[in-house]
Protein backbone atom coordinates (compact mmCIF):
# COMPACT_ATOMS: atom_id res chain seq x y z
CA MET A 1 76.04 75.64 22.33
CA GLN A 2 76.66 71.99 21.79
CA GLU A 3 80.03 72.66 20.24
CA LEU A 4 81.39 74.29 23.39
CA ASP A 5 83.52 72.42 25.89
CA PRO A 6 81.40 70.72 28.68
CA ASP A 7 83.79 72.12 31.34
CA GLU A 8 83.01 75.67 30.22
CA THR A 9 79.24 75.21 29.99
CA GLY A 10 78.87 73.03 33.08
CA ARG A 11 77.07 70.28 31.23
CA ASP A 12 76.98 66.95 33.19
CA ALA A 13 78.62 68.67 36.15
CA GLU A 14 77.74 67.63 39.70
CA THR A 15 75.43 69.87 41.66
CA VAL A 16 77.20 71.98 44.23
CA HIS A 17 75.27 72.18 47.51
CA ARG A 18 75.98 75.06 49.85
CA ASP A 19 74.89 75.87 53.38
CA LYS A 20 73.40 79.18 54.56
CA SER A 21 76.76 80.89 54.78
CA GLY A 22 77.72 79.86 51.23
CA ARG A 23 80.26 77.16 52.00
CA LYS A 24 80.22 73.94 49.98
CA VAL A 25 78.57 70.99 51.70
CA ASP A 26 79.79 67.42 51.20
CA LEU A 27 76.59 65.38 50.72
CA ALA A 28 78.20 62.02 51.51
CA ALA A 29 79.56 63.33 54.81
CA LYS A 30 76.24 64.98 55.61
CA ARG A 31 74.32 61.75 54.96
CA ALA A 32 76.79 59.79 57.09
CA GLU A 33 76.37 62.34 59.90
CA GLU A 34 72.56 62.10 59.69
CA ALA A 35 72.72 58.29 59.75
CA ARG A 36 75.01 58.41 62.81
CA ALA A 37 72.65 60.86 64.55
CA ARG A 38 69.67 58.58 63.77
CA ARG A 39 71.56 55.57 65.11
CA GLU A 40 72.43 57.43 68.32
CA GLN A 41 68.81 58.53 68.71
CA MET A 42 67.60 54.93 68.28
CA GLU A 43 70.15 53.72 70.86
CA ARG A 44 68.99 56.39 73.31
CA GLU A 45 65.35 55.38 72.79
CA GLU A 46 66.21 51.70 73.27
CA LYS A 47 68.02 52.51 76.52
CA LYS A 48 65.06 54.59 77.63
CA MET A 49 62.69 51.73 76.85
CA GLU A 50 65.00 49.32 78.67
CA TRP A 51 65.00 51.49 81.79
CA GLY A 52 61.28 52.12 81.49
CA LYS A 53 60.55 48.44 82.04
CA GLY A 54 60.93 47.14 85.55
CA LEU A 55 63.06 44.21 86.54
CA VAL A 56 60.06 42.30 87.85
CA GLN A 57 58.10 42.77 84.62
CA ARG A 58 61.10 41.62 82.57
CA GLN A 59 61.49 38.56 84.82
CA GLU A 60 57.77 37.76 84.49
CA GLN A 61 58.02 38.04 80.71
CA GLU A 62 61.00 35.67 80.63
CA ASP A 63 59.16 33.20 82.88
CA ARG A 64 56.10 33.36 80.64
CA LYS A 65 58.24 32.68 77.54
CA ARG A 66 59.99 29.79 79.29
CA ARG A 67 56.64 28.26 80.34
CA GLU A 68 55.27 28.62 76.81
CA LEU A 69 58.32 26.84 75.40
CA GLU A 70 57.89 24.06 77.95
CA GLU A 71 54.21 23.74 77.00
CA GLN A 72 55.16 23.34 73.35
CA HIS A 73 57.16 20.21 74.12
CA LYS A 74 54.45 18.58 76.23
CA PRO A 75 52.06 16.15 74.58
CA LEU A 76 48.60 17.37 73.74
CA ALA A 77 46.88 14.55 75.64
CA ARG A 78 47.88 14.51 79.32
CA TYR A 79 46.79 11.76 81.66
CA ALA A 80 46.05 11.44 85.39
CA ASP A 81 49.54 10.13 86.16
CA ASP A 82 51.23 13.26 84.74
CA LYS A 83 53.16 14.78 87.68
CA GLU A 84 53.34 18.31 86.25
CA LEU A 85 49.61 18.37 85.54
CA ASN A 86 48.83 17.18 89.08
CA GLU A 87 51.10 19.84 90.62
CA GLU A 88 49.51 22.53 88.47
CA LEU A 89 46.01 21.46 89.50
CA LYS A 90 46.99 21.37 93.19
CA GLU A 91 48.32 24.93 93.05
CA ARG A 92 45.07 26.27 91.61
CA THR A 93 42.67 27.81 94.12
CA LEU A 94 38.96 27.30 93.56
CA TRP A 95 36.34 29.80 94.65
CA ASN A 96 34.19 27.16 96.40
CA ASP A 97 37.03 25.30 98.13
CA PRO A 98 36.12 24.91 101.85
CA ALA A 99 39.77 24.38 102.83
CA ALA A 100 40.94 27.53 101.02
CA PHE A 101 40.32 29.55 104.19
CA PHE A 102 43.13 27.68 105.94
CA LEU A 103 45.55 28.17 103.05
CA THR A 104 44.98 31.88 102.48
CA SER A 105 47.90 33.02 104.65
CA ALA A 106 50.36 31.52 102.17
CA SER A 107 48.63 33.09 99.19
CA LYS A 108 48.43 36.53 100.82
CA LYS A 109 52.22 36.67 100.99
CA LYS A 110 52.37 36.28 97.20
CA SER A 111 50.38 39.45 96.52
CA LYS A 112 51.14 40.90 93.11
CA GLY A 113 52.21 44.51 92.86
CA PRO A 114 52.26 47.25 95.44
CA LYS A 115 49.17 47.64 97.61
CA ARG A 116 47.48 51.04 97.70
CA PRO A 117 46.98 52.52 101.17
CA THR A 118 43.38 52.69 102.39
CA TYR A 119 41.62 54.70 105.06
CA GLN A 120 41.43 52.74 108.32
CA GLY A 121 38.28 53.62 110.21
CA HIS A 122 34.60 54.33 109.73
CA TRP A 123 33.11 56.87 107.36
CA PRO A 124 29.59 58.07 106.63
CA PRO A 125 27.81 55.96 104.01
CA ASN A 126 27.37 57.25 100.48
CA ARG A 127 25.13 56.16 97.61
CA PHE A 128 27.90 54.37 95.73
CA ASN A 129 29.75 52.81 98.68
CA ILE A 130 32.97 54.62 97.74
CA PRO A 131 35.54 54.64 100.57
CA PRO A 132 37.37 57.88 101.33
CA GLY A 133 41.00 58.45 100.41
CA TYR A 134 43.61 57.25 102.88
CA ARG A 135 44.51 60.85 103.82
CA TRP A 136 40.94 61.78 104.85
CA ASP A 137 40.86 63.48 108.26
CA GLY A 138 37.39 62.20 109.24
CA VAL A 139 35.53 65.50 108.85
CA ASP A 140 32.32 65.30 106.80
CA ARG A 141 32.40 68.40 104.58
CA SER A 142 29.34 67.51 102.49
CA ASN A 143 26.20 69.63 102.18
CA GLY A 144 24.14 66.90 103.88
CA PHE A 145 22.51 65.53 100.73
CA GLU A 146 23.74 61.96 101.30
CA LYS A 147 22.56 62.03 104.92
CA GLU A 148 19.09 63.25 103.88
CA TYR A 149 19.02 60.71 101.06
CA PHE A 150 19.60 57.82 103.47
CA LEU A 151 17.12 59.23 106.02
CA ARG A 152 14.42 59.43 103.34
CA GLN A 153 15.26 55.95 102.08
CA ASN A 154 15.10 54.48 105.61
CA SER A 155 11.85 56.25 106.43
CA ARG A 156 10.33 54.99 103.17
CA THR A 157 11.25 51.36 103.95
CA ALA A 158 10.03 51.76 107.55
CA LEU A 159 6.73 53.17 106.28
CA LYS A 160 6.35 50.22 103.88
CA ALA A 161 7.06 47.75 106.68
CA GLU A 162 4.56 49.50 108.96
CA ALA A 163 1.90 49.56 106.22
CA TYR A 164 2.41 45.86 105.62
CA ALA A 165 2.15 45.15 109.36
CA TRP A 166 -1.14 47.09 109.55
CA SER A 167 -2.53 45.33 106.47
CA ALA A 168 -1.58 41.85 107.73
CA GLU A 169 -2.78 42.46 111.32
CA ASP A 170 -6.31 41.14 110.76
CA MET A 171 -5.24 37.88 109.18
């Protein structure tokens, strides 16, 4: 066997790859085609991700990066005469600030994100203080459990108050 010509025996010959119909397949071209398809898929996914992010979110991210870069260049110790620090502290709103009531109109205009619509009007109370959806038509379709629950709760507290009044009457 070893004396025969390698062309006749097929020794050291390249493997011939064929498709389902029996035609020869060029592996280099097939790999290049797969790489191109992968690249196109990645580009499509990147575009999809780009469109999936909103303009406002992208702008906020850029602002955050810019602020972080600015913070890197500031000194670690900042003093009372630092203008940027003073402006930053003035912009902050404190929960116990008595003058914050007068400044709320300016801060309400800067509300972040879209506001969800809410039901405008009165609704029957419930145990968890959950407001109805904004499309509620005002008709109470419950089985009356919540109403009975609150009646029992109110009668119990009234009975306790009356019992206390009777017990403290002699004093």
